Amino acid sequence: HPSQVVLRTGRPCLNSVQGVKNPQGRTVWINVNAQ
């Protein structure tokens, strides 16, 4: 996960596309940037 990559390396992790399930069971597609 981008946040874990940042905590491990100390470097930004950008433009990670992920699908996550919301409580209604629908897949939400997100673009994640972590600094």
PDB file of all heavy atoms in Angstrom:
ATOM      1  N   HIS A   1       0.847  -1.188   0.000  1.00  0.00           N
ATOM      2  CA  HIS A   1       0.000   0.000   0.000  1.00  0.00           C
ATOM      3  C   HIS A   1       0.885   1.240   0.000  1.00  0.00           C
ATOM      4  O   HIS A   1       1.934   1.273   0.660  1.00  0.00           O
ATOM      5  CB  HIS A   1      -0.914   0.001   1.226  1.00  0.00           C
ATOM      6  CG  HIS A   1      -1.947   1.081   1.191  1.00  0.00           C
ATOM      7  ND1 HIS A   1      -1.682   2.366   1.607  1.00  0.00           N
ATOM      8  CD2 HIS A   1      -3.232   1.079   0.766  1.00  0.00           C
ATOM      9  CE1 HIS A   1      -2.760   3.107   1.458  1.00  0.00           C
ATOM     10  NE2 HIS A   1      -3.713   2.354   0.941  1.00  0.00           N
ATOM     11  N   PRO A   2       0.518   2.291  -0.752  1.00  0.00           N
ATOM     12  CA  PRO A   2       1.370   3.488  -0.839  1.00  0.00           C
ATOM     13  C   PRO A   2       1.820   4.043   0.510  1.00  0.00           C
ATOM     14  O   PRO A   2       2.972   4.452   0.673  1.00  0.00           O
ATOM     15  CB  PRO A   2       0.499   4.488  -1.602  1.00  0.00           C
ATOM     16  CG  PRO A   2      -0.357   3.630  -2.471  1.00  0.00           C
ATOM     17  CD  PRO A   2      -0.654   2.410  -1.654  1.00  0.00           C
ATOM     18  N   SER A   3       0.920   4.062   1.483  1.00  0.00           N
ATOM     19  CA  SER A   3       1.298   4.606   2.795  1.00  0.00           C
ATOM     20  C   SER A   3       2.413   3.789   3.432  1.00  0.00           C
ATOM     21  O   SER A   3       3.333   4.340   4.056  1.00  0.00           O
ATOM     22  CB  SER A   3       0.083   4.645   3.727  1.00  0.00           C
ATOM     23  OG  SER A   3      -0.393   3.336   3.995  1.00  0.00           O
ATOM     24  N   GLN A   4       2.351   2.460   3.249  1.00  0.00           N
ATOM     25  CA  GLN A   4       3.378   1.603   3.835  1.00  0.00           C
ATOM     26  C   GLN A   4       4.701   1.724   3.094  1.00  0.00           C
ATOM     27  O   GLN A   4       5.775   1.656   3.703  1.00  0.00           O
ATOM     28  CB  GLN A   4       2.899   0.154   3.843  1.00  0.00           C
ATOM     29  CG  GLN A   4       1.598  -0.051   4.587  1.00  0.00           C
ATOM     30  CD  GLN A   4       1.629   0.535   5.979  1.00  0.00           C
ATOM     31  OE1 GLN A   4       2.393   0.088   6.831  1.00  0.00           O
ATOM     32  NE2 GLN A   4       0.807   1.550   6.214  1.00  0.00           N
ATOM     33  N   VAL A   5       4.623   1.912   1.771  1.00  0.00           N
ATOM     34  CA  VAL A   5       5.844   2.135   0.989  1.00  0.00           C
ATOM     35  C   VAL A   5       6.533   3.413   1.450  1.00  0.00           C
ATOM     36  O   VAL A   5       7.762   3.458   1.623  1.00  0.00           O
ATOM     37  CB  VAL A   5       5.514   2.208  -0.516  1.00  0.00           C
ATOM     38  CG1 VAL A   5       6.753   2.593  -1.323  1.00  0.00           C
ATOM     39  CG2 VAL A   5       4.952   0.877  -1.010  1.00  0.00           C
ATOM     40  N   VAL A   6       5.740   4.466   1.692  1.00  0.00           N
ATOM     41  CA  VAL A   6       6.308   5.739   2.150  1.00  0.00           C
ATOM     42  C   VAL A   6       6.930   5.581   3.526  1.00  0.00           C
ATOM     43  O   VAL A   6       8.052   6.053   3.772  1.00  0.00           O
ATOM     44  CB  VAL A   6       5.218   6.830   2.164  1.00  0.00           C
ATOM     45  CG1 VAL A   6       5.725   8.089   2.864  1.00  0.00           C
ATOM     46  CG2 VAL A   6       4.788   7.175   0.750  1.00  0.00           C
ATOM     47  N   LEU A   7       6.238   4.941   4.445  1.00  0.00           N
ATOM     48  CA  LEU A   7       6.782   4.763   5.791  1.00  0.00           C
ATOM     49  C   LEU A   7       8.045   3.919   5.780  1.00  0.00           C
ATOM     50  O   LEU A   7       8.944   4.120   6.597  1.00  0.00           O
ATOM     51  CB  LEU A   7       5.730   4.119   6.705  1.00  0.00           C
ATOM     52  CG  LEU A   7       4.540   5.006   7.083  1.00  0.00           C
ATOM     53  CD1 LEU A   7       3.500   4.192   7.852  1.00  0.00           C
ATOM     54  CD2 LEU A   7       4.992   6.202   7.915  1.00  0.00           C
ATOM     55  N   ARG A   8       8.133   2.997   4.829  1.00  0.00           N
ATOM     56  CA  ARG A   8       9.293   2.114   4.765  1.00  0.00           C
ATOM     57  C   ARG A   8      10.482   2.776   4.077  1.00  0.00           C
ATOM     58  O   ARG A   8      11.631   2.576   4.469  1.00  0.00           O
ATOM     59  CB  ARG A   8       8.908   0.825   4.039  1.00  0.00           C
ATOM     60  CG  ARG A   8       9.982  -0.258   4.074  1.00  0.00           C
ATOM     61  CD  ARG A   8       9.443  -1.579   3.564  1.00  0.00           C
ATOM     62  NE  ARG A   8       9.004  -1.529   2.177  1.00  0.00           N
ATOM     63  CZ  ARG A   8       7.734  -1.579   1.796  1.00  0.00           C
ATOM     64  NH1 ARG A   8       6.771  -1.685   2.702  1.00  0.00           N
ATOM     65  NH2 ARG A   8       7.410  -1.532   0.512  1.00  0.00           N
ATOM     66  N   THR A   9      10.208   3.576   3.036  1.00  0.00           N
ATOM     67  CA  THR A   9      11.295   4.127   2.222  1.00  0.00           C
ATOM     68  C   THR A   9      11.551   5.609   2.475  1.00  0.00           C
ATOM     69  O   THR A   9      12.634   6.103   2.158  1.00  0.00           O
ATOM     70  CB  THR A   9      10.980   3.953   0.726  1.00  0.00           C
ATOM     71  OG1 THR A   9       9.834   4.752   0.381  1.00  0.00           O
ATOM     72  CG2 THR A   9      10.687   2.487   0.405  1.00  0.00           C
ATOM     73  N   GLY A  10      10.536   6.317   2.992  1.00  0.00           N
ATOM     74  CA  GLY A  10      10.684   7.759   3.176  1.00  0.00           C
ATOM     75  C   GLY A  10      10.506   8.544   1.900  1.00  0.00           C
ATOM     76  O   GLY A  10      10.715   9.762   1.887  1.00  0.00           O
ATOM     77  N   ARG A  11      10.090   7.877   0.824  1.00  0.00           N
ATOM     78  CA  ARG A  11       9.917   8.549  -0.464  1.00  0.00           C
ATOM     79  C   ARG A  11       8.452   8.541  -0.883  1.00  0.00           C
ATOM     80  O   ARG A  11       7.708   7.624  -0.529  1.00  0.00           O
ATOM     81  CB  ARG A  11      10.770   7.869  -1.537  1.00  0.00           C
ATOM     82  CG  ARG A  11      12.273   7.989  -1.307  1.00  0.00           C
ATOM     83  CD  ARG A  11      13.052   7.536  -2.538  1.00  0.00           C
ATOM     84  NE  ARG A  11      12.848   6.128  -2.817  1.00  0.00           N
ATOM     85  CZ  ARG A  11      13.589   5.147  -2.301  1.00  0.00           C
ATOM     86  NH1 ARG A  11      14.569   5.433  -1.458  1.00  0.00           N
ATOM     87  NH2 ARG A  11      13.347   3.890  -2.617  1.00  0.00           N
ATOM     88  N   PRO A  12       8.041   9.547  -1.674  1.00  0.00           N
ATOM     89  CA  PRO A  12       6.635   9.589  -2.126  1.00  0.00           C
ATOM     90  C   PRO A  12       6.287   8.366  -2.965  1.00  0.00           C
ATOM     91  O   PRO A  12       7.135   7.776  -3.644  1.00  0.00           O
ATOM     92  CB  PRO A  12       6.577  10.867  -2.971  1.00  0.00           C
ATOM     93  CG  PRO A  12       7.725  11.698  -2.509  1.00  0.00           C
ATOM     94  CD  PRO A  12       8.802  10.721  -2.127  1.00  0.00           C
ATOM     95  N   CYS A  13       5.020   7.993  -2.922  1.00  0.00           N
ATOM     96  CA  CYS A  13       4.486   6.917  -3.756  1.00  0.00           C
ATOM     97  C   CYS A  13       3.255   7.488  -4.446  1.00  0.00           C
ATOM     98  O   CYS A  13       2.265   7.816  -3.786  1.00  0.00           O
ATOM     99  CB  CYS A  13       4.132   5.704  -2.905  1.00  0.00           C
ATOM    100  SG  CYS A  13       3.559   4.279  -3.856  1.00  0.00           S
ATOM    101  N   LEU A  14       3.324   7.621  -5.764  1.00  0.00           N
ATOM    102  CA  LEU A  14       2.320   8.393  -6.501  1.00  0.00           C
ATOM    103  C   LEU A  14       1.546   7.540  -7.503  1.00  0.00           C
ATOM    104  O   LEU A  14       2.060   6.555  -8.034  1.00  0.00           O
ATOM    105  CB  LEU A  14       2.990   9.560  -7.225  1.00  0.00           C
ATOM    106  CG  LEU A  14       3.871  10.480  -6.363  1.00  0.00           C
ATOM    107  CD1 LEU A  14       4.545  11.537  -7.228  1.00  0.00           C
ATOM    108  CD2 LEU A  14       3.065  11.121  -5.250  1.00  0.00           C
ATOM    109  N   ASN A  15       0.315   7.970  -7.752  1.00  0.00           N
ATOM    110  CA  ASN A  15      -0.534   7.424  -8.823  1.00  0.00           C
ATOM    111  C   ASN A  15      -0.726   5.911  -8.736  1.00  0.00           C
ATOM    112  O   ASN A  15      -0.567   5.186  -9.718  1.00  0.00           O
ATOM    113  CB  ASN A  15       0.038   7.804 -10.197  1.00  0.00           C
ATOM    114  CG  ASN A  15       0.033   9.300 -10.427  1.00  0.00           C
ATOM    115  OD1 ASN A  15      -0.937   9.979 -10.097  1.00  0.00           O
ATOM    116  ND2 ASN A  15       1.119   9.824 -10.976  1.00  0.00           N
ATOM    117  N   SER A  16      -1.094   5.451  -7.571  1.00  0.00           N
ATOM    118  CA  SER A  16      -1.425   4.040  -7.386  1.00  0.00           C
ATOM    119  C   SER A  16      -2.936   3.880  -7.566  1.00  0.00           C
ATOM    120  O   SER A  16      -3.731   4.460  -6.825  1.00  0.00           O
ATOM    121  CB  SER A  16      -1.016   3.576  -5.983  1.00  0.00           C
ATOM    122  OG  SER A  16      -1.494   2.267  -5.726  1.00  0.00           O
ATOM    123  N   VAL A  17      -3.347   3.113  -8.567  1.00  0.00           N
ATOM    124  CA  VAL A  17      -4.769   2.883  -8.841  1.00  0.00           C
ATOM    125  C   VAL A  17      -5.213   1.611  -8.126  1.00  0.00           C
ATOM    126  O   VAL A  17      -4.606   0.551  -8.296  1.00  0.00           O
ATOM    127  CB  VAL A  17      -5.035   2.779 -10.350  1.00  0.00           C
ATOM    128  CG1 VAL A  17      -6.493   2.433 -10.621  1.00  0.00           C
ATOM    129  CG2 VAL A  17      -4.662   4.093 -11.045  1.00  0.00           C
ATOM    130  N   GLN A  18      -6.271   1.733  -7.328  1.00  0.00           N
ATOM    131  CA  GLN A  18      -6.742   0.607  -6.530  1.00  0.00           C
ATOM    132  C   GLN A  18      -8.262   0.524  -6.571  1.00  0.00           C
ATOM    133  O   GLN A  18      -8.944   1.528  -6.735  1.00  0.00           O
ATOM    134  CB  GLN A  18      -6.314   0.776  -5.062  1.00  0.00           C
ATOM    135  CG  GLN A  18      -4.846   0.953  -4.833  1.00  0.00           C
ATOM    136  CD  GLN A  18      -4.534   1.152  -3.356  1.00  0.00           C
ATOM    137  OE1 GLN A  18      -5.397   0.995  -2.496  1.00  0.00           O
ATOM    138  NE2 GLN A  18      -3.298   1.489  -3.059  1.00  0.00           N
ATOM    139  N   GLY A  19      -8.752  -0.680  -6.402  1.00  0.00           N
ATOM    140  CA  GLY A  19     -10.179  -0.901  -6.218  1.00  0.00           C
ATOM    141  C   GLY A  19     -10.428  -1.351  -4.796  1.00  0.00           C
ATOM    142  O   GLY A  19      -9.783  -2.284  -4.320  1.00  0.00           O
ATOM    143  N   VAL A  20     -11.316  -0.681  -4.076  1.00  0.00           N
ATOM    144  CA  VAL A  20     -11.643  -1.054  -2.703  1.00  0.00           C
ATOM    145  C   VAL A  20     -13.155  -1.219  -2.584  1.00  0.00           C
ATOM    146  O   VAL A  20     -13.923  -0.549  -3.271  1.00  0.00           O
ATOM    147  CB  VAL A  20     -11.137  -0.004  -1.687  1.00  0.00           C
ATOM    148  CG1 VAL A  20      -9.621   0.065  -1.700  1.00  0.00           C
ATOM    149  CG2 VAL A  20     -11.733   1.364  -1.973  1.00  0.00           C
ATOM    150  N   LYS A  21     -13.562  -2.115  -1.722  1.00  0.00           N
ATOM    151  CA  LYS A  21     -14.991  -2.370  -1.486  1.00  0.00           C
ATOM    152  C   LYS A  21     -15.496  -1.429  -0.398  1.00  0.00           C
ATOM    153  O   LYS A  21     -14.900  -1.333   0.679  1.00  0.00           O
ATOM    154  CB  LYS A  21     -15.217  -3.815  -1.051  1.00  0.00           C
ATOM    155  CG  LYS A  21     -14.914  -4.854  -2.120  1.00  0.00           C
ATOM    156  CD  LYS A  21     -16.055  -4.989  -3.105  1.00  0.00           C
ATOM    157  CE  LYS A  21     -15.815  -6.175  -4.044  1.00  0.00           C
ATOM    158  NZ  LYS A  21     -16.884  -6.294  -5.057  1.00  0.00           N
ATOM    159  N   ASN A  22     -16.611  -0.734  -0.690  1.00  0.00           N
ATOM    160  CA  ASN A  22     -17.217   0.073   0.359  1.00  0.00           C
ATOM    161  C   ASN A  22     -18.189  -0.793   1.153  1.00  0.00           C
ATOM    162  O   ASN A  22     -18.432  -1.960   0.804  1.00  0.00           O
ATOM    163  CB  ASN A  22     -17.893   1.318  -0.223  1.00  0.00           C
ATOM    164  CG  ASN A  22     -19.083   0.989  -1.115  1.00  0.00           C
ATOM    165  OD1 ASN A  22     -19.659  -0.091  -1.054  1.00  0.00           O
ATOM    166  ND2 ASN A  22     -19.467   1.925  -1.962  1.00  0.00           N
ATOM    167  N   PRO A  23     -18.759  -0.284   2.253  1.00  0.00           N
ATOM    168  CA  PRO A  23     -19.645  -1.125   3.079  1.00  0.00           C
ATOM    169  C   PRO A  23     -20.854  -1.670   2.327  1.00  0.00           C
ATOM    170  O   PRO A  23     -21.450  -2.654   2.755  1.00  0.00           O
ATOM    171  CB  PRO A  23     -20.076  -0.159   4.194  1.00  0.00           C
ATOM    172  CG  PRO A  23     -18.959   0.822   4.299  1.00  0.00           C
ATOM    173  CD  PRO A  23     -18.480   1.017   2.893  1.00  0.00           C
ATOM    174  N   GLN A  24     -21.240  -1.036   1.212  1.00  0.00           N
ATOM    175  CA  GLN A  24     -22.372  -1.520   0.422  1.00  0.00           C
ATOM    176  C   GLN A  24     -21.969  -2.617  -0.557  1.00  0.00           C
ATOM    177  O   GLN A  24     -22.797  -3.127  -1.301  1.00  0.00           O
ATOM    178  CB  GLN A  24     -23.008  -0.356  -0.341  1.00  0.00           C
ATOM    179  CG  GLN A  24     -23.795   0.610   0.539  1.00  0.00           C
ATOM    180  CD  GLN A  24     -22.904   1.428   1.455  1.00  0.00           C
ATOM    181  OE1 GLN A  24     -21.828   1.862   1.045  1.00  0.00           O
ATOM    182  NE2 GLN A  24     -23.350   1.660   2.674  1.00  0.00           N
ATOM    183  N   GLY A  25     -20.674  -2.964  -0.580  1.00  0.00           N
ATOM    184  CA  GLY A  25     -20.192  -4.021  -1.450  1.00  0.00           C
ATOM    185  C   GLY A  25     -19.816  -3.567  -2.842  1.00  0.00           C
ATOM    186  O   GLY A  25     -19.453  -4.383  -3.687  1.00  0.00           O
ATOM    187  N   ARG A  26     -19.899  -2.262  -3.114  1.00  0.00           N
ATOM    188  CA  ARG A  26     -19.547  -1.746  -4.433  1.00  0.00           C
ATOM    189  C   ARG A  26     -18.053  -1.445  -4.491  1.00  0.00           C
ATOM    190  O   ARG A  26     -17.471  -0.954  -3.525  1.00  0.00           O
ATOM    191  CB  ARG A  26     -20.338  -0.477  -4.726  1.00  0.00           C
ATOM    192  CG  ARG A  26     -20.074   0.091  -6.112  1.00  0.00           C
ATOM    193  CD  ARG A  26     -20.687   1.466  -6.279  1.00  0.00           C
ATOM    194  NE  ARG A  26     -20.405   2.014  -7.602  1.00  0.00           N
ATOM    195  CZ  ARG A  26     -20.440   3.297  -7.893  1.00  0.00           C
ATOM    196  NH1 ARG A  26     -20.742   4.180  -6.964  1.00  0.00           N
ATOM    197  NH2 ARG A  26     -20.180   3.719  -9.106  1.00  0.00           N
ATOM    198  N   THR A  27     -17.437  -1.744  -5.623  1.00  0.00           N
ATOM    199  CA  THR A  27     -16.020  -1.428  -5.794  1.00  0.00           C
ATOM    200  C   THR A  27     -15.857   0.045  -6.140  1.00  0.00           C
ATOM    201  O   THR A  27     -16.451   0.546  -7.093  1.00  0.00           O
ATOM    202  CB  THR A  27     -15.389  -2.289  -6.904  1.00  0.00           C
ATOM    203  OG1 THR A  27     -15.473  -3.670  -6.539  1.00  0.00           O
ATOM    204  CG2 THR A  27     -13.927  -1.921  -7.111  1.00  0.00           C
ATOM    205  N   VAL A  28     -15.063   0.731  -5.356  1.00  0.00           N
ATOM    206  CA  VAL A  28     -14.733   2.125  -5.597  1.00  0.00           C
ATOM    207  C   VAL A  28     -13.300   2.177  -6.102  1.00  0.00           C
ATOM    208  O   VAL A  28     -12.379   1.653  -5.462  1.00  0.00           O
ATOM    209  CB  VAL A  28     -14.867   2.969  -4.308  1.00  0.00           C
ATOM    210  CG1 VAL A  28     -14.481   4.416  -4.569  1.00  0.00           C
ATOM    211  CG2 VAL A  28     -16.284   2.882  -3.767  1.00  0.00           C
ATOM    212  N   TRP A  29     -13.111   2.788  -7.273  1.00  0.00           N
ATOM    213  CA  TRP A  29     -11.771   2.910  -7.839  1.00  0.00           C
ATOM    214  C   TRP A  29     -11.172   4.250  -7.426  1.00  0.00           C
ATOM    215  O   TRP A  29     -11.816   5.294  -7.550  1.00  0.00           O
ATOM    216  CB  TRP A  29     -11.808   2.791  -9.359  1.00  0.00           C
ATOM    217  CG  TRP A  29     -12.046   1.391  -9.810  1.00  0.00           C
ATOM    218  CD1 TRP A  29     -13.226   0.838 -10.194  1.00  0.00           C
ATOM    219  CD2 TRP A  29     -11.073   0.338  -9.879  1.00  0.00           C
ATOM    220  NE1 TRP A  29     -13.058  -0.488 -10.510  1.00  0.00           N
ATOM    221  CE2 TRP A  29     -11.753  -0.822 -10.330  1.00  0.00           C
ATOM    222  CE3 TRP A  29      -9.711   0.267  -9.621  1.00  0.00           C
ATOM    223  CZ2 TRP A  29     -11.092  -2.035 -10.517  1.00  0.00           C
ATOM    224  CZ3 TRP A  29      -9.057  -0.941  -9.807  1.00  0.00           C
ATOM    225  CH2 TRP A  29      -9.743  -2.070 -10.255  1.00  0.00           C
ATOM    226  N   ILE A  30      -9.958   4.188  -6.903  1.00  0.00           N
ATOM    227  CA  ILE A  30      -9.311   5.393  -6.397  1.00  0.00           C
ATOM    228  C   ILE A  30      -7.890   5.501  -6.932  1.00  0.00           C
ATOM    229  O   ILE A  30      -7.248   4.508  -7.260  1.00  0.00           O
ATOM    230  CB  ILE A  30      -9.283   5.416  -4.857  1.00  0.00           C
ATOM    231  CG1 ILE A  30      -8.617   4.141  -4.311  1.00  0.00           C
ATOM    232  CG2 ILE A  30     -10.681   5.576  -4.289  1.00  0.00           C
ATOM    233  CD1 ILE A  30      -8.471   4.118  -2.795  1.00  0.00           C
ATOM    234  N   ASN A  31      -7.451   6.742  -7.061  1.00  0.00           N
ATOM    235  CA  ASN A  31      -6.056   7.032  -7.373  1.00  0.00           C
ATOM    236  C   ASN A  31      -5.424   7.574  -6.098  1.00  0.00           C
ATOM    237  O   ASN A  31      -5.905   8.560  -5.536  1.00  0.00           O
ATOM    238  CB  ASN A  31      -5.954   8.050  -8.508  1.00  0.00           C
ATOM    239  CG  ASN A  31      -4.517   8.282  -8.936  1.00  0.00           C
ATOM    240  OD1 ASN A  31      -3.750   8.936  -8.244  1.00  0.00           O
ATOM    241  ND2 ASN A  31      -4.145   7.765 -10.091  1.00  0.00           N
ATOM    242  N   VAL A  32      -4.369   6.923  -5.641  1.00  0.00           N
ATOM    243  CA  VAL A  32      -3.783   7.225  -4.338  1.00  0.00           C
ATOM    244  C   VAL A  32      -2.391   7.831  -4.507  1.00  0.00           C
ATOM    245  O   VAL A  32      -1.558   7.309  -5.265  1.00  0.00           O
ATOM    246  CB  VAL A  32      -3.691   5.951  -3.474  1.00  0.00           C
ATOM    247  CG1 VAL A  32      -3.113   6.273  -2.098  1.00  0.00           C
ATOM    248  CG2 VAL A  32      -5.062   5.305  -3.333  1.00  0.00           C
ATOM    249  N   ASN A  33      -2.166   8.937  -3.797  1.00  0.00           N
ATOM    250  CA  ASN A  33      -0.841   9.554  -3.716  1.00  0.00           C
ATOM    251  C   ASN A  33      -0.474   9.693  -2.249  1.00  0.00           C
ATOM    252  O   ASN A  33      -1.299  10.140  -1.439  1.00  0.00           O
ATOM    253  CB  ASN A  33      -0.828  10.938  -4.376  1.00  0.00           C
ATOM    254  CG  ASN A  33      -1.037  10.858  -5.874  1.00  0.00           C
ATOM    255  OD1 ASN A  33      -0.137  10.512  -6.620  1.00  0.00           O
ATOM    256  ND2 ASN A  33      -2.247  11.162  -6.325  1.00  0.00           N
ATOM    257  N   ALA A  34       0.727   9.283  -1.908  1.00  0.00           N
ATOM    258  CA  ALA A  34       1.167   9.335  -0.515  1.00  0.00           C
ATOM    259  C   ALA A  34       2.497  10.075  -0.413  1.00  0.00           C
ATOM    260  O   ALA A  34       3.400   9.847  -1.226  1.00  0.00           O
ATOM    261  CB  ALA A  34       1.301   7.926   0.056  1.00  0.00           C
ATOM    262  N   GLN A  35       2.586  10.954   0.581  1.00  0.00           N
ATOM    263  CA  GLN A  35       3.785  11.753   0.805  1.00  0.00           C
ATOM    264  C   GLN A  35       4.222  11.616   2.258  1.00  0.00           C
ATOM    265  O   GLN A  35       3.376  11.573   3.160  1.00  0.00           O
ATOM    266  CB  GLN A  35       3.511  13.233   0.504  1.00  0.00           C
ATOM    267  CG  GLN A  35       3.190  13.544  -0.942  1.00  0.00           C
ATOM    268  CD  GLN A  35       4.436  13.776  -1.784  1.00  0.00           C
ATOM    269  OE1 GLN A  35       5.552  13.736  -1.273  1.00  0.00           O
ATOM    270  NE2 GLN A  35       4.254  14.031  -3.071  1.00  0.00           N
TER     271      GLN A  35
END
